[in-house]
Protein backbone atom coordinates (compact mmCIF):
# COMPACT_ATOMS: atom_id res chain seq x y z
CA MET A 1 6.59 3.73 31.79
CA LYS A 2 5.15 5.74 28.92
CA LEU A 3 7.13 6.25 25.73
CA ASN A 4 6.36 9.28 23.57
CA THR A 5 6.17 8.97 19.77
CA ARG A 6 9.77 10.06 19.11
CA ASP A 7 11.35 7.84 21.76
CA ALA A 8 9.10 4.93 20.83
CA ASP A 9 10.28 4.90 17.22
CA SER A 10 13.89 4.73 18.37
CA TYR A 11 13.03 1.97 20.84
CA PHE A 12 11.25 -0.11 18.16
CA THR A 13 14.44 0.01 16.10
CA LYS A 14 16.69 -0.99 19.02
CA PRO A 15 14.69 -2.53 21.91
CA ASP A 16 16.30 -3.31 25.25
CA PRO A 17 16.47 -7.11 25.76
CA ASN A 18 16.58 -6.61 29.54
CA ARG A 19 13.12 -5.05 29.79
CA THR A 20 10.23 -6.95 31.30
CA GLY A 21 7.77 -6.11 28.58
CA LEU A 22 6.13 -3.75 26.13
CA LEU A 23 2.49 -2.81 25.49
CA ILE A 24 1.61 -1.41 22.03
CA TYR A 25 -1.96 -0.20 21.63
CA GLY A 26 -3.99 1.86 19.17
CA ALA A 27 -7.22 2.05 17.17
CA ASP A 28 -5.55 1.18 13.84
CA ALA A 29 -4.72 -2.53 13.98
CA MET A 30 -2.43 -2.27 10.94
CA ARG A 31 -0.28 0.46 12.49
CA VAL A 32 -0.01 -1.52 15.73
CA ALA A 33 0.90 -4.70 13.82
CA ILE A 34 3.66 -2.96 11.86
CA LYS A 35 5.25 -1.60 15.05
CA ARG A 36 4.92 -4.97 16.76
CA GLN A 37 6.57 -6.78 13.84
CA LYS A 38 9.39 -4.23 13.84
CA VAL A 39 10.17 -4.50 17.55
CA ILE A 40 9.98 -8.31 17.66
CA ALA A 41 12.28 -8.61 14.63
CA ALA A 42 14.77 -6.19 16.22
CA LEU A 43 14.59 -7.95 19.58
CA LEU A 44 14.75 -11.60 18.47
CA GLY A 45 16.33 -11.56 15.01
CA ASP A 46 15.16 -13.29 11.84
CA ASN A 47 15.02 -16.92 13.01
CA ALA A 48 12.94 -16.58 16.17
CA ASP A 49 10.05 -18.71 14.91
CA GLU A 50 12.27 -21.48 13.55
CA GLU A 51 14.26 -21.57 16.78
CA MET A 52 11.09 -21.53 18.90
CA ARG A 53 12.15 -18.36 20.73
CA LEU A 54 8.78 -16.66 20.13
CA THR A 55 5.55 -17.90 21.72
CA ARG A 56 2.27 -16.47 20.40
CA MET A 57 -1.11 -16.47 22.11
CA ALA A 58 -4.39 -14.60 21.94
CA GLY A 59 -5.40 -12.32 24.79
CA ALA A 60 -8.79 -14.04 25.04
CA ASP A 61 -7.07 -17.38 25.77
CA LEU A 62 -5.59 -16.00 29.00
CA ARG A 63 -9.03 -15.65 30.52
CA LYS A 64 -9.57 -19.42 30.31
CA GLU A 65 -5.95 -20.45 30.86
CA PRO A 66 -4.13 -17.69 32.76
CA ALA A 67 -1.07 -19.90 33.26
CA LEU A 68 -0.27 -19.85 29.52
CA LEU A 69 1.70 -16.63 29.73
CA MET A 70 3.57 -17.60 32.88
CA ASP A 71 4.57 -20.93 31.32
CA ALA A 72 5.76 -19.13 28.18
CA ILE A 73 8.00 -16.61 29.94
CA LYS A 74 9.56 -19.22 32.23
CA ALA A 75 10.07 -21.96 29.60
CA VAL A 76 13.68 -22.81 28.76
CA GLY A 77 14.34 -22.90 25.02
CA PHE A 78 16.50 -25.34 23.05
CA PHE A 79 18.26 -22.51 21.20
CA PRO A 80 20.30 -19.68 22.71
CA GLY A 81 19.24 -16.06 22.33
CA PRO A 82 16.53 -13.70 23.56
CA ARG A 83 12.97 -14.96 23.85
CA ALA A 84 9.55 -13.31 23.84
CA ALA A 85 5.96 -14.18 24.65
CA PHE A 86 3.59 -12.28 22.36
CA VAL A 87 -0.03 -11.70 23.45
CA GLU A 88 -2.18 -10.21 20.67
CA GLU A 89 -5.62 -8.55 20.54
CA THR A 90 -5.59 -8.10 24.29
CA THR A 91 -8.27 -6.45 26.41
CA ASP A 92 -8.65 -5.94 30.14
CA VAL A 93 -10.10 -9.45 30.54
CA ALA A 94 -6.51 -10.71 30.27
CA ALA A 95 -5.23 -8.17 32.82
CA PRO A 96 -5.01 -10.56 35.83
CA ALA A 97 -2.85 -13.09 33.96
CA ILE A 98 -0.58 -10.37 32.53
CA LEU A 99 -0.25 -8.67 35.93
CA THR A 100 0.88 -11.96 37.49
CA ALA A 101 3.43 -12.48 34.71
CA LEU A 102 4.79 -8.94 35.14
CA LYS A 103 5.19 -9.46 38.89
CA GLU A 104 6.83 -12.88 38.55
CA TRP A 105 9.14 -11.94 35.66
CA ALA A 106 12.88 -12.29 36.39
CA PRO A 107 16.02 -11.55 34.36
CA GLY A 108 16.52 -14.32 31.79
CA ASP A 109 12.76 -14.83 31.29
CA ALA A 110 11.11 -14.21 27.93
CA GLN A 111 10.11 -10.59 27.35
CA ILE A 112 6.35 -9.93 27.37
CA ILE A 113 5.05 -8.20 24.21
CA VAL A 114 1.36 -7.25 24.33
CA THR A 115 -0.79 -5.56 21.68
CA GLY A 116 -4.27 -4.10 22.12
CA GLY A 117 -6.83 -1.81 20.56
CA ALA A 118 -7.80 1.72 21.54
CA LEU A 119 -7.29 1.36 25.29
CA LYS A 120 -8.71 4.14 27.47
CA PRO A 121 -6.52 5.88 30.08
CA SER A 122 -8.48 3.98 32.73
CA SER A 123 -7.57 0.62 31.14
CA LYS A 124 -6.00 -1.82 33.60
CA LEU A 125 -3.54 -2.94 30.91
CA ARG A 126 -2.34 0.59 30.25
CA LYS A 127 -1.95 1.35 33.95
CA MET A 128 0.03 -1.85 34.51
CA PHE A 129 2.62 -1.04 31.86
CA GLU A 130 2.66 2.73 32.41
CA THR A 131 3.39 2.35 36.12
CA HIS A 132 5.83 -0.58 35.80
CA ALA A 133 9.46 0.34 36.49
CA ASN A 134 10.90 -1.97 33.83
CA ALA A 135 8.20 -2.07 31.12
CA PHE A 136 6.95 0.35 28.50
CA ALA A 137 3.54 1.39 27.12
CA VAL A 138 3.27 2.99 23.68
CA GLY A 139 0.15 4.45 22.08
CA ILE A 140 0.04 4.33 18.27
CA TYR A 141 -2.15 7.06 16.78
CA ASP A 142 -3.56 7.64 13.29
CA GLU A 143 -0.81 10.01 12.18
CA PRO A 144 1.47 9.73 9.16
CA PRO A 145 5.06 8.68 9.83
CA THR A 146 7.56 11.42 10.59
CA ARG A 147 10.45 12.20 8.27
CA ALA A 148 12.81 10.40 10.66
CA GLU A 149 10.63 7.26 10.54
CA ILE A 150 10.53 7.38 6.74
CA GLU A 151 14.31 7.76 6.58
CA ARG A 152 14.77 4.75 8.87
CA THR A 153 12.33 2.69 6.80
CA LEU A 154 14.20 3.59 3.61
CA ALA A 155 17.58 2.80 5.18
CA SER A 156 16.37 -0.61 6.40
CA ALA A 157 15.18 -1.31 2.84
CA GLY A 158 18.63 -0.39 1.50
CA ILE A 159 17.55 2.90 -0.10
CA ARG A 160 19.93 5.64 1.00
CA ALA A 161 20.39 8.08 -1.88
CA VAL A 162 17.15 10.08 -1.61
CA PRO A 163 17.20 13.67 -3.01
CA PRO A 164 15.05 16.34 -1.29
CA ASP A 165 12.31 16.32 -3.96
CA SER A 166 11.96 12.53 -3.71
CA MET A 167 11.84 12.70 0.10
CA ALA A 168 9.11 15.36 -0.15
CA ALA A 169 7.14 13.09 -2.50
CA LEU A 170 7.50 10.12 -0.13
CA THR A 171 6.42 12.25 2.82
CA GLY A 172 3.30 13.29 0.93
CA LEU A 173 2.66 9.69 -0.11
CA ALA A 174 2.97 8.53 3.51
CA GLY A 175 0.25 11.00 4.47
CA ASP A 176 -2.06 9.82 1.68
CA LEU A 177 -1.60 6.06 2.03
CA GLY A 178 -2.39 3.77 4.91
CA PRO A 179 0.58 2.32 6.83
CA GLY A 180 0.34 -1.08 5.15
CA ASP A 181 0.19 0.38 1.63
CA PHE A 182 3.11 2.70 2.36
CA THR A 183 5.23 -0.17 3.71
CA GLN A 184 4.45 -2.22 0.59
CA THR A 185 5.42 0.74 -1.59
CA ILE A 186 8.83 0.97 0.11
CA GLU A 187 9.30 -2.79 -0.35
CA LYS A 188 8.48 -2.42 -4.06
CA LEU A 189 10.92 0.48 -4.33
CA ALA A 190 13.65 -1.65 -2.72
CA LEU A 191 13.12 -4.38 -5.34
CA TYR A 192 12.81 -1.82 -8.13
CA LYS A 193 16.13 -0.20 -7.16
CA ARG A 194 17.97 -3.45 -6.54
CA SER A 195 21.49 -3.26 -8.04
CA ASP A 196 20.75 0.36 -9.00
CA ASP A 197 22.87 2.82 -7.01
CA SER A 198 21.51 5.95 -8.66
CA PRO A 199 19.53 8.40 -6.46
CA LEU A 200 15.84 7.64 -5.95
CA SER A 201 13.93 9.68 -8.53
CA LEU A 202 10.34 10.89 -8.74
CA GLU A 203 9.90 8.54 -11.70
CA ASP A 204 10.97 5.59 -9.50
CA ILE A 205 8.38 6.56 -6.88
CA ASP A 206 5.65 7.00 -9.49
CA ALA A 207 6.43 3.56 -10.94
CA CYS A 208 5.98 1.87 -7.55
CA ALA A 209 3.25 3.95 -5.88
CA PRO A 210 -0.24 2.40 -5.93
CA GLN A 211 -2.44 3.78 -8.69
CA SER A 212 -5.92 3.61 -7.18
CA THR A 213 -9.23 5.06 -8.29
CA GLU A 214 -9.06 7.45 -5.33
CA ALA A 215 -5.66 8.69 -6.49
CA ALA A 216 -7.04 9.30 -9.98
CA LEU A 217 -10.04 11.12 -8.50
CA ASP A 218 -7.72 13.30 -6.41
CA ASP A 219 -5.74 14.12 -9.55
CA VAL A 220 -8.88 15.35 -11.34
CA LEU A 221 -10.08 17.41 -8.38
CA ASN A 222 -6.68 19.03 -7.88
CA VAL A 223 -6.47 19.87 -11.59
CA VAL A 224 -9.92 21.52 -11.42
CA ALA A 225 -9.15 23.39 -8.17
CA GLU A 226 -5.88 24.62 -9.67
CA ALA A 227 -7.61 25.84 -12.85
CA ARG A 228 -5.73 23.53 -15.23
CA SER A 229 -8.69 22.95 -17.54
CA GLY A 230 -6.63 21.47 -20.38
CA GLU A 231 -5.75 18.41 -18.27
CA ILE A 232 -9.31 17.49 -17.31
CA GLY A 233 -10.26 15.46 -20.40
CA PRO A 234 -7.50 12.81 -20.24
CA LEU A 235 -8.02 12.35 -16.49
CA ILE A 236 -11.77 11.89 -17.00
CA ARG A 237 -11.02 9.13 -19.55
CA ARG A 238 -8.74 7.47 -17.00
CA LEU A 239 -11.47 7.53 -14.35
CA GLN A 240 -13.99 6.09 -16.80
CA ALA A 241 -11.59 3.25 -17.60
CA GLN A 242 -11.41 2.48 -13.87
CA GLY A 243 -15.19 2.30 -13.59
CA THR A 244 -15.96 5.65 -11.96
CA ASN A 245 -19.39 7.04 -12.86
CA ALA A 246 -20.45 10.67 -13.21
CA VAL A 247 -22.49 10.78 -10.00
CA GLY A 248 -19.59 9.38 -7.97
CA LEU A 249 -17.27 11.98 -9.51
CA CYS A 250 -19.76 14.74 -8.69
CA ILE A 251 -20.01 13.57 -5.08
CA GLY A 252 -16.21 13.54 -4.78
CA ALA A 253 -15.93 17.02 -6.31
CA THR A 254 -18.60 18.37 -3.96
CA ARG A 255 -16.78 16.92 -0.95
CA HIS A 256 -13.48 18.47 -2.08
CA PHE A 257 -14.92 21.93 -2.71
CA ARG A 258 -16.88 21.82 0.54
CA THR A 259 -13.59 21.13 2.34
CA LEU A 260 -12.03 24.13 0.59
CA TYR A 261 -15.03 26.30 1.48
CA THR A 262 -14.82 25.28 5.16
CA ALA A 263 -11.13 26.18 5.24
CA ALA A 264 -11.50 29.45 3.30
CA SER A 265 -14.40 30.61 5.51
CA ASP A 266 -12.48 30.22 8.77
CA PRO A 267 -12.07 33.56 10.60
CA GLY A 268 -8.40 32.75 11.23
CA GLY A 269 -7.66 32.21 7.54
CA ALA A 270 -7.34 29.17 5.28
CA ALA A 271 -4.32 27.72 7.12
CA ALA A 272 -6.16 27.84 10.45
CA GLY A 273 -9.27 26.40 8.80
CA VAL A 274 -7.35 23.44 7.37
CA GLY A 275 -5.84 22.87 10.81
CA ARG A 276 -9.34 22.43 12.21
CA LEU A 277 -10.53 19.96 9.57
CA ARG A 278 -11.65 16.54 10.74
CA PRO A 279 -10.33 14.09 9.77
CA PRO A 280 -7.08 16.08 9.83
CA VAL A 281 -5.09 16.78 6.66
CA TYR A 282 -1.31 16.31 6.81
CA GLY A 283 1.87 16.94 4.91
CA LYS A 284 1.97 17.83 1.24
CA ARG A 285 -1.78 17.47 0.85
CA ARG A 286 -2.33 19.98 3.66
CA ASP A 287 -0.19 22.60 1.91
CA ARG A 288 -2.08 22.01 -1.33
CA VAL A 289 -5.50 22.38 0.31
CA VAL A 290 -4.40 25.62 2.02
CA ARG A 291 -3.16 27.02 -1.27
CA GLN A 292 -6.33 26.07 -3.15
CA ALA A 293 -8.59 27.52 -0.45
CA GLN A 294 -6.64 30.79 -0.43
CA ASN A 295 -6.72 31.09 -4.22
CA TRP A 296 -10.47 30.52 -4.51
CA GLY A 297 -11.81 32.39 -1.50
CA PRO A 298 -15.24 31.82 0.10
CA ALA A 299 -17.32 33.66 -2.53
CA ARG A 300 -16.10 31.71 -5.56
CA LEU A 301 -16.17 28.44 -3.63
CA GLU A 302 -19.83 29.08 -2.81
CA THR A 303 -20.47 29.54 -6.54
CA ALA A 304 -18.57 26.31 -7.27
CA LEU A 305 -20.74 24.38 -4.80
CA THR A 306 -23.87 25.80 -6.48
CA VAL A 307 -22.59 24.58 -9.88
CA LEU A 308 -21.94 21.11 -8.46
CA THR A 309 -25.36 20.94 -6.78
CA ASP A 310 -27.07 21.86 -10.05
CA THR A 311 -24.96 19.29 -11.92
CA ASP A 312 -25.85 16.59 -9.39
CA LEU A 313 -29.55 17.33 -9.83
CA GLN A 314 -29.15 17.21 -13.61
CA LEU A 315 -27.33 13.88 -13.49
CA ARG A 316 -30.06 12.34 -11.34
CA SER A 317 -32.93 13.78 -13.38
CA ALA A 318 -35.18 11.28 -15.12
CA GLY A 319 -35.24 13.50 -18.21
CA GLN A 320 -31.45 13.60 -18.61
CA THR A 321 -30.50 12.64 -22.19
CA ALA A 322 -26.90 13.86 -22.61
CA PRO A 323 -24.10 11.40 -21.68
CA ALA A 324 -23.62 11.71 -17.93
CA MET A 325 -19.82 11.88 -17.99
CA ALA A 326 -19.92 14.57 -20.69
CA VAL A 327 -22.20 16.65 -18.45
CA MET A 328 -19.80 16.18 -15.54
CA GLU A 329 -16.75 17.01 -17.65
CA ARG A 330 -18.40 20.22 -18.85
CA ALA A 331 -19.16 21.21 -15.25
CA LEU A 332 -15.54 20.59 -14.17
CA ILE A 333 -14.19 22.65 -17.06
CA ARG A 334 -16.58 25.44 -16.05
CA LEU A 335 -15.23 25.27 -12.49
CA ALA A 336 -11.63 25.35 -13.70
CA MET A 337 -12.41 28.45 -15.76
CA LEU A 338 -14.08 30.01 -12.72
CA GLY A 339 -10.93 29.33 -10.71
CA ARG A 340 -8.88 31.44 -13.11
CA ARG A 341 -10.86 34.59 -12.49
CA ARG A 342 -9.62 37.19 -10.05
């Protein structure tokens, strides 16, 4: 049977021990791994490895030794409690062995947990689990976690007092970070707030959120696009300290303003244009891009792209004598001043 995204998240939190098995697949291996870890921990508890109630194997091994999975689900453990056989990185080459195990599974056997990559609808593995009366198939897609998922993650980490502004910040952070980085951020927050019962503040989140070069670059570009010219200098110094060069900053600025131009030029308006961007833009960042595109408009964004193109040519010119970052800073200040005009 298929599980949709909403039902799947609930199932990962509280899986049914009487099910035959579960297939989790998706293009992002990290997202799949996080869901798999969550469901196995919920199904078997914390001591599954020590009590030998979890058997792991690679999908490729089942092609050579198809009996591995059958032996694992039928084996009788030394310790009481639910058991599982986990098959990772599985493709259709393992389908015959998994099909046999699904057919031969009986109540009391170990549950079959399978993970795979971006399986097509025609995949034998997908069809097996999607059509099975007592097993589930779940596709994990490259989308940020929902608010409900974030709330469950926070609760499991022991963080319960989260004001609306902090939840909005975490939602935006979840859209900007990869799943692994976001999970690590929540773990850091849990340690940071240990023995502290006060509500989670924006300062707490800022102290634990990863401070990457990309985040600093986004800060500069948002300051420029929002016409806050007085904040450009300190952020430029921060980027320089992190090793960013002027040409890289110019390329990033051009990409950002081209995105704004694409959105602002859409016949349906900036909001519709942002909705058509690929890769898609989500959450808080989406609202910010819409607002920036609407404030600038296509004409001024076209001028901004001309300024950036000229600056890029100047930076790459063999006759350039002025400090490159000073040239780039001057161009960004010019853009911020342009953004103030109406």
